[in-house]
Amino acid sequence: MIRVLSVLPGESPALKTIPEGLASLQKEVGGYIECVYPYEDPVCLIVNEEGKINGMELNRALRDDDGNIYDIIAGPFLVAGLTDCDFCSLDDGLARKYADLFRTPELFFSLNGTVHVIPVRGADDGADAPGECG
């Protein structure tokens, strides 16, 4: 079993314990997986590699150090820990860090050819979620 952070469109992140293995990861993201490594921490984002092509709901923006959006994840994704050669469970510190990073769901829209993002705050914005991550 492996402990990951599950991030669904329109929802706050949730810690989950899932079986290890490709089939389990594919089930969680709804299709073939792709691993994305946007952070220096030993974590990866496990996304649906065809999420955008298949028109999955846009989920969260990835931003550079200046806060500029450089990509948007479509569909559900997982944040998993990394070892030298495989995925591993997130420790409490990384679980908290990435739960905070992805805490607020985002709404995306295009205006005059530019994609805009609106944070969606509300009942499911994770205001009482810190206990979920450790």
N, C-alpha and C. Protein backbone atom coordinates (compact mmCIF):
# COMPACT_ATOMS: atom_id res chain seq x y z
N MET A 1 0.85 -1.18 0.00
CA MET A 1 0.00 0.00 0.00
C MET A 1 0.90 1.24 0.00
N ILE A 2 0.36 2.32 -0.59
CA ILE A 2 1.11 3.57 -0.70
C ILE A 2 0.17 4.73 -0.33
N ARG A 3 0.68 5.69 0.42
CA ARG A 3 -0.11 6.85 0.83
C ARG A 3 0.18 8.00 -0.12
N VAL A 4 -0.87 8.50 -0.77
CA VAL A 4 -0.75 9.56 -1.76
C VAL A 4 -1.76 10.65 -1.45
N LEU A 5 -1.56 11.79 -2.07
CA LEU A 5 -2.52 12.88 -2.00
C LEU A 5 -3.32 12.86 -3.29
N SER A 6 -4.62 12.74 -3.19
CA SER A 6 -5.49 12.71 -4.36
C SER A 6 -6.09 14.11 -4.55
N VAL A 7 -5.97 14.64 -5.77
CA VAL A 7 -6.47 15.98 -6.06
C VAL A 7 -7.48 15.86 -7.22
N LEU A 8 -8.75 16.05 -6.88
CA LEU A 8 -9.82 15.97 -7.87
C LEU A 8 -10.26 17.37 -8.27
N PRO A 9 -10.70 17.54 -9.52
CA PRO A 9 -11.20 18.86 -9.93
C PRO A 9 -12.34 19.31 -9.02
N GLY A 10 -12.28 20.56 -8.59
CA GLY A 10 -13.35 21.15 -7.79
C GLY A 10 -13.36 20.74 -6.33
N GLU A 11 -12.38 19.95 -5.90
CA GLU A 11 -12.35 19.48 -4.51
C GLU A 11 -11.01 19.78 -3.86
N SER A 12 -11.01 19.79 -2.54
CA SER A 12 -9.77 19.91 -1.79
C SER A 12 -9.03 18.59 -1.84
N PRO A 13 -7.71 18.61 -1.71
CA PRO A 13 -6.94 17.37 -1.72
C PRO A 13 -7.31 16.46 -0.55
N ALA A 14 -7.12 15.16 -0.75
CA ALA A 14 -7.40 14.18 0.31
C ALA A 14 -6.31 13.12 0.31
N LEU A 15 -5.85 12.77 1.50
CA LEU A 15 -4.90 11.67 1.61
C LEU A 15 -5.64 10.37 1.40
N LYS A 16 -5.00 9.47 0.64
CA LYS A 16 -5.57 8.16 0.38
C LYS A 16 -4.47 7.13 0.49
N THR A 17 -4.83 5.95 0.90
CA THR A 17 -3.93 4.81 0.86
C THR A 17 -4.47 3.89 -0.21
N ILE A 18 -3.63 3.63 -1.22
CA ILE A 18 -4.05 2.82 -2.36
C ILE A 18 -3.05 1.68 -2.56
N PRO A 19 -3.47 0.62 -3.24
CA PRO A 19 -2.52 -0.45 -3.54
C PRO A 19 -1.42 0.05 -4.46
N GLU A 20 -0.21 -0.48 -4.27
CA GLU A 20 0.89 -0.14 -5.18
C GLU A 20 0.62 -0.79 -6.52
N GLY A 21 1.19 -0.23 -7.58
CA GLY A 21 1.10 -0.85 -8.89
C GLY A 21 0.42 0.02 -9.93
N LEU A 22 0.72 -0.28 -11.16
CA LEU A 22 0.23 0.49 -12.30
C LEU A 22 -1.30 0.52 -12.38
N ALA A 23 -1.94 -0.62 -12.21
CA ALA A 23 -3.40 -0.68 -12.34
C ALA A 23 -4.09 0.25 -11.35
N SER A 24 -3.59 0.30 -10.13
CA SER A 24 -4.17 1.17 -9.11
C SER A 24 -3.99 2.64 -9.46
N LEU A 25 -2.81 3.00 -9.94
CA LEU A 25 -2.55 4.39 -10.33
C LEU A 25 -3.43 4.79 -11.50
N GLN A 26 -3.58 3.91 -12.49
CA GLN A 26 -4.43 4.20 -13.64
C GLN A 26 -5.88 4.37 -13.23
N LYS A 27 -6.33 3.57 -12.29
CA LYS A 27 -7.70 3.69 -11.80
C LYS A 27 -7.93 5.06 -11.15
N GLU A 28 -6.95 5.51 -10.37
CA GLU A 28 -7.09 6.78 -9.65
C GLU A 28 -7.15 7.99 -10.60
N VAL A 29 -6.41 7.94 -11.71
CA VAL A 29 -6.39 9.09 -12.63
C VAL A 29 -7.29 8.88 -13.85
N GLY A 30 -7.91 7.73 -13.96
CA GLY A 30 -8.86 7.48 -15.04
C GLY A 30 -8.23 7.19 -16.39
N GLY A 31 -7.05 6.58 -16.42
CA GLY A 31 -6.44 6.25 -17.69
C GLY A 31 -4.94 6.07 -17.56
N TYR A 32 -4.26 6.11 -18.72
CA TYR A 32 -2.81 5.95 -18.74
C TYR A 32 -2.16 7.05 -17.91
N ILE A 33 -1.09 6.68 -17.22
CA ILE A 33 -0.44 7.66 -16.34
C ILE A 33 0.76 8.30 -17.02
N GLU A 34 1.03 9.51 -16.57
CA GLU A 34 2.25 10.23 -16.91
C GLU A 34 2.74 10.85 -15.62
N CYS A 35 4.04 10.84 -15.41
CA CYS A 35 4.62 11.43 -14.21
C CYS A 35 5.22 12.79 -14.55
N VAL A 36 4.91 13.76 -13.71
CA VAL A 36 5.39 15.13 -13.89
C VAL A 36 6.19 15.49 -12.65
N TYR A 37 7.34 16.13 -12.87
CA TYR A 37 8.26 16.44 -11.77
C TYR A 37 8.52 17.94 -11.70
N PRO A 38 7.52 18.74 -11.28
CA PRO A 38 7.72 20.19 -11.29
C PRO A 38 8.39 20.75 -10.04
N TYR A 39 8.67 19.92 -9.04
CA TYR A 39 9.17 20.44 -7.77
C TYR A 39 10.50 19.78 -7.41
N GLU A 40 11.27 20.46 -6.58
CA GLU A 40 12.57 19.92 -6.15
C GLU A 40 12.42 18.85 -5.08
N ASP A 41 11.30 18.84 -4.37
CA ASP A 41 11.06 17.80 -3.36
C ASP A 41 11.01 16.43 -4.04
N PRO A 42 11.23 15.37 -3.27
CA PRO A 42 11.15 14.03 -3.84
C PRO A 42 9.69 13.58 -3.99
N VAL A 43 8.97 14.28 -4.88
CA VAL A 43 7.57 13.97 -5.18
C VAL A 43 7.36 14.04 -6.69
N CYS A 44 6.31 13.40 -7.13
CA CYS A 44 5.90 13.55 -8.52
C CYS A 44 4.39 13.67 -8.55
N LEU A 45 3.90 14.28 -9.62
CA LEU A 45 2.48 14.35 -9.87
C LEU A 45 2.17 13.24 -10.88
N ILE A 46 1.26 12.37 -10.53
CA ILE A 46 0.85 11.30 -11.42
C ILE A 46 -0.47 11.74 -12.04
N VAL A 47 -0.44 12.01 -13.34
CA VAL A 47 -1.58 12.58 -14.04
C VAL A 47 -2.04 11.63 -15.14
N ASN A 48 -3.22 11.89 -15.68
CA ASN A 48 -3.71 11.15 -16.84
C ASN A 48 -3.02 11.74 -18.06
N GLU A 49 -2.24 10.92 -18.77
CA GLU A 49 -1.44 11.47 -19.88
C GLU A 49 -2.31 11.97 -21.03
N GLU A 50 -3.56 11.53 -21.11
CA GLU A 50 -4.46 11.98 -22.18
C GLU A 50 -5.57 12.87 -21.65
N GLY A 51 -5.39 13.41 -20.43
CA GLY A 51 -6.44 14.20 -19.80
C GLY A 51 -6.92 15.36 -20.63
N LYS A 52 -6.00 16.13 -21.18
CA LYS A 52 -6.40 17.29 -22.00
C LYS A 52 -7.00 16.84 -23.32
N ILE A 53 -6.38 15.85 -23.96
CA ILE A 53 -6.87 15.36 -25.25
C ILE A 53 -8.28 14.82 -25.12
N ASN A 54 -8.55 14.13 -24.00
CA ASN A 54 -9.87 13.53 -23.79
C ASN A 54 -10.88 14.50 -23.20
N GLY A 55 -10.48 15.75 -23.00
CA GLY A 55 -11.41 16.77 -22.51
C GLY A 55 -11.78 16.64 -21.05
N MET A 56 -10.89 16.07 -20.25
CA MET A 56 -11.17 15.98 -18.81
C MET A 56 -11.22 17.39 -18.23
N GLU A 57 -11.97 17.52 -17.15
CA GLU A 57 -12.12 18.82 -16.49
C GLU A 57 -10.77 19.35 -16.03
N LEU A 58 -10.51 20.63 -16.29
CA LEU A 58 -9.27 21.25 -15.83
C LEU A 58 -9.27 21.27 -14.31
N ASN A 59 -8.12 21.02 -13.72
CA ASN A 59 -8.05 20.80 -12.28
C ASN A 59 -7.24 21.88 -11.57
N ARG A 60 -5.92 21.88 -11.74
CA ARG A 60 -5.06 22.85 -11.06
C ARG A 60 -4.00 23.36 -12.02
N ALA A 61 -3.62 24.63 -11.83
CA ALA A 61 -2.55 25.23 -12.62
C ALA A 61 -1.21 24.93 -11.97
N LEU A 62 -0.20 24.76 -12.81
CA LEU A 62 1.18 24.68 -12.35
C LEU A 62 1.81 26.03 -12.64
N ARG A 63 2.51 26.56 -11.65
CA ARG A 63 3.08 27.91 -11.77
C ARG A 63 4.59 27.89 -11.59
N ASP A 64 5.25 28.85 -12.24
CA ASP A 64 6.69 28.99 -12.07
C ASP A 64 6.98 29.77 -10.78
N ASP A 65 8.23 30.06 -10.53
CA ASP A 65 8.61 30.75 -9.29
C ASP A 65 8.03 32.15 -9.18
N ASP A 66 7.64 32.75 -10.30
CA ASP A 66 7.04 34.09 -10.28
C ASP A 66 5.52 34.04 -10.22
N GLY A 67 4.94 32.83 -10.14
CA GLY A 67 3.49 32.69 -10.06
C GLY A 67 2.80 32.64 -11.41
N ASN A 68 3.57 32.61 -12.50
CA ASN A 68 2.98 32.55 -13.84
C ASN A 68 2.61 31.11 -14.18
N ILE A 69 1.44 30.93 -14.76
CA ILE A 69 0.98 29.60 -15.15
C ILE A 69 1.78 29.13 -16.36
N TYR A 70 2.32 27.92 -16.27
CA TYR A 70 3.00 27.34 -17.43
C TYR A 70 2.32 26.06 -17.91
N ASP A 71 1.40 25.51 -17.12
CA ASP A 71 0.66 24.33 -17.54
C ASP A 71 -0.57 24.19 -16.65
N ILE A 72 -1.53 23.40 -17.11
CA ILE A 72 -2.73 23.11 -16.34
C ILE A 72 -2.95 21.61 -16.39
N ILE A 73 -3.19 21.02 -15.23
CA ILE A 73 -3.46 19.59 -15.16
C ILE A 73 -4.95 19.38 -15.40
N ALA A 74 -5.28 18.45 -16.30
CA ALA A 74 -6.67 18.10 -16.57
C ALA A 74 -6.96 16.75 -15.93
N GLY A 75 -8.09 16.67 -15.26
CA GLY A 75 -8.50 15.42 -14.62
C GLY A 75 -7.87 15.25 -13.25
N PRO A 76 -8.25 14.16 -12.59
CA PRO A 76 -7.70 13.89 -11.26
C PRO A 76 -6.21 13.60 -11.34
N PHE A 77 -5.48 13.91 -10.27
CA PHE A 77 -4.07 13.55 -10.20
C PHE A 77 -3.69 13.20 -8.78
N LEU A 78 -2.54 12.55 -8.66
CA LEU A 78 -2.00 12.14 -7.37
C LEU A 78 -0.67 12.83 -7.14
N VAL A 79 -0.37 13.10 -5.89
CA VAL A 79 0.98 13.50 -5.50
C VAL A 79 1.54 12.32 -4.71
N ALA A 80 2.65 11.77 -5.21
CA ALA A 80 3.28 10.62 -4.57
C ALA A 80 4.72 10.95 -4.22
N GLY A 81 5.23 10.29 -3.21
CA GLY A 81 6.64 10.41 -2.88
C GLY A 81 7.48 9.61 -3.86
N LEU A 82 8.78 9.88 -3.85
CA LEU A 82 9.71 9.20 -4.75
C LEU A 82 10.88 8.62 -3.98
N THR A 83 11.31 7.43 -4.42
CA THR A 83 12.59 6.88 -3.99
C THR A 83 13.51 7.00 -5.20
N ASP A 84 14.68 6.38 -5.14
CA ASP A 84 15.59 6.43 -6.28
C ASP A 84 15.00 5.78 -7.52
N CYS A 85 14.09 4.80 -7.35
CA CYS A 85 13.61 4.08 -8.52
C CYS A 85 12.12 3.76 -8.51
N ASP A 86 11.35 4.35 -7.60
CA ASP A 86 9.94 3.99 -7.55
C ASP A 86 9.15 5.06 -6.78
N PHE A 87 7.84 4.88 -6.76
CA PHE A 87 6.97 5.73 -5.95
C PHE A 87 7.01 5.22 -4.52
N CYS A 88 6.72 6.13 -3.58
CA CYS A 88 6.61 5.73 -2.18
C CYS A 88 5.56 6.61 -1.52
N SER A 89 5.21 6.26 -0.29
CA SER A 89 4.23 7.04 0.47
C SER A 89 4.78 8.43 0.77
N LEU A 90 3.88 9.40 0.79
CA LEU A 90 4.24 10.75 1.22
C LEU A 90 4.45 10.76 2.72
N ASP A 91 5.49 11.43 3.19
CA ASP A 91 5.62 11.61 4.64
C ASP A 91 4.69 12.75 5.06
N ASP A 92 4.51 12.91 6.36
CA ASP A 92 3.56 13.90 6.87
C ASP A 92 3.88 15.32 6.41
N GLY A 93 5.16 15.68 6.41
CA GLY A 93 5.55 17.04 6.01
C GLY A 93 5.23 17.33 4.56
N LEU A 94 5.57 16.40 3.66
CA LEU A 94 5.26 16.62 2.24
C LEU A 94 3.76 16.56 1.98
N ALA A 95 3.07 15.71 2.70
CA ALA A 95 1.61 15.64 2.54
C ALA A 95 0.98 16.98 2.90
N ARG A 96 1.42 17.56 4.01
CA ARG A 96 0.90 18.87 4.42
C ARG A 96 1.25 19.96 3.41
N LYS A 97 2.50 19.96 2.97
CA LYS A 97 2.97 20.98 2.03
C LYS A 97 2.14 20.97 0.75
N TYR A 98 1.93 19.80 0.18
CA TYR A 98 1.22 19.74 -1.10
C TYR A 98 -0.30 19.82 -0.93
N ALA A 99 -0.81 19.44 0.23
CA ALA A 99 -2.23 19.67 0.52
C ALA A 99 -2.47 21.18 0.59
N ASP A 100 -1.55 21.92 1.18
CA ASP A 100 -1.66 23.38 1.24
C ASP A 100 -1.53 24.00 -0.15
N LEU A 101 -0.56 23.51 -0.93
CA LEU A 101 -0.34 24.06 -2.26
C LEU A 101 -1.57 23.90 -3.16
N PHE A 102 -2.21 22.75 -3.09
CA PHE A 102 -3.35 22.46 -3.96
C PHE A 102 -4.69 22.58 -3.25
N ARG A 103 -4.68 23.18 -2.05
CA ARG A 103 -5.88 23.24 -1.20
C ARG A 103 -7.10 23.84 -1.90
N THR A 104 -6.91 24.93 -2.62
CA THR A 104 -8.05 25.65 -3.18
C THR A 104 -8.31 25.21 -4.62
N PRO A 105 -9.51 24.65 -4.87
CA PRO A 105 -9.87 24.31 -6.26
C PRO A 105 -9.84 25.56 -7.13
N GLU A 106 -9.64 25.35 -8.44
CA GLU A 106 -9.54 26.47 -9.37
C GLU A 106 -10.53 26.29 -10.52
N LEU A 107 -11.05 27.40 -10.98
CA LEU A 107 -11.95 27.45 -12.13
C LEU A 107 -11.21 28.15 -13.26
N PHE A 108 -11.26 27.58 -14.46
CA PHE A 108 -10.51 28.11 -15.59
C PHE A 108 -11.48 28.60 -16.66
N PHE A 109 -11.13 29.72 -17.30
CA PHE A 109 -11.91 30.19 -18.43
C PHE A 109 -11.00 30.95 -19.38
N SER A 110 -11.42 31.00 -20.63
CA SER A 110 -10.64 31.69 -21.65
C SER A 110 -11.35 32.99 -21.99
N LEU A 111 -10.58 34.06 -22.05
CA LEU A 111 -11.11 35.37 -22.41
C LEU A 111 -10.11 36.04 -23.34
N ASN A 112 -10.56 36.35 -24.54
CA ASN A 112 -9.69 36.98 -25.54
C ASN A 112 -8.41 36.19 -25.78
N GLY A 113 -8.54 34.86 -25.81
CA GLY A 113 -7.39 34.01 -26.11
C GLY A 113 -6.43 33.78 -24.96
N THR A 114 -6.78 34.26 -23.78
CA THR A 114 -5.93 34.08 -22.61
C THR A 114 -6.69 33.26 -21.57
N VAL A 115 -6.01 32.28 -20.98
CA VAL A 115 -6.62 31.47 -19.94
C VAL A 115 -6.51 32.21 -18.61
N HIS A 116 -7.62 32.28 -17.91
CA HIS A 116 -7.67 32.93 -16.59
C HIS A 116 -8.07 31.89 -15.55
N VAL A 117 -7.64 32.12 -14.32
CA VAL A 117 -7.90 31.20 -13.23
C VAL A 117 -8.57 31.96 -12.09
N ILE A 118 -9.62 31.35 -11.54
CA ILE A 118 -10.29 31.91 -10.37
C ILE A 118 -10.23 30.86 -9.26
N PRO A 119 -9.67 31.21 -8.10
CA PRO A 119 -9.72 30.27 -6.98
C PRO A 119 -11.16 30.11 -6.52
N VAL A 120 -11.56 28.89 -6.23
CA VAL A 120 -12.93 28.60 -5.80
C VAL A 120 -12.89 28.31 -4.31
N ARG A 121 -13.36 29.27 -3.54
CA ARG A 121 -13.39 29.10 -2.09
C ARG A 121 -14.82 28.79 -1.68
N GLY A 122 -14.95 27.96 -0.66
CA GLY A 122 -16.29 27.61 -0.21
C GLY A 122 -16.24 26.52 0.84
N ALA A 123 -17.31 25.78 0.93
CA ALA A 123 -17.44 24.74 1.95
C ALA A 123 -16.36 23.68 1.81
N ASP A 124 -15.89 23.44 0.58
CA ASP A 124 -14.90 22.38 0.37
C ASP A 124 -13.51 22.96 0.11
N ASP A 125 -13.21 24.13 0.69
CA ASP A 125 -11.90 24.74 0.42
C ASP A 125 -10.80 24.24 1.35
N GLY A 126 -11.13 23.27 2.19
CA GLY A 126 -10.10 22.66 3.02
C GLY A 126 -9.77 23.46 4.26
N ALA A 127 -10.64 24.36 4.69
CA ALA A 127 -10.33 25.20 5.84
C ALA A 127 -10.03 24.37 7.09
N ASP A 128 -10.70 23.21 7.26
CA ASP A 128 -10.39 22.40 8.43
C ASP A 128 -9.63 21.14 8.08
N ALA A 129 -8.96 21.11 6.93
CA ALA A 129 -8.30 19.90 6.47
C ALA A 129 -6.93 19.59 7.07
N PRO A 130 -6.24 20.47 7.81
CA PRO A 130 -4.90 20.12 8.24
C PRO A 130 -4.83 18.79 8.98
N GLY A 131 -5.86 18.44 9.70
CA GLY A 131 -5.86 17.15 10.40
C GLY A 131 -5.82 15.97 9.45
N GLU A 132 -6.23 16.13 8.22
CA GLU A 132 -6.23 15.04 7.26
C GLU A 132 -4.82 14.64 6.87
N CYS A 133 -3.87 15.51 7.03
CA CYS A 133 -2.53 15.26 6.50
C CYS A 133 -1.51 15.00 7.59
N GLY A 134 -1.91 14.56 8.68
CA GLY A 134 -0.87 14.23 9.64
C GLY A 134 -1.32 14.43 11.00
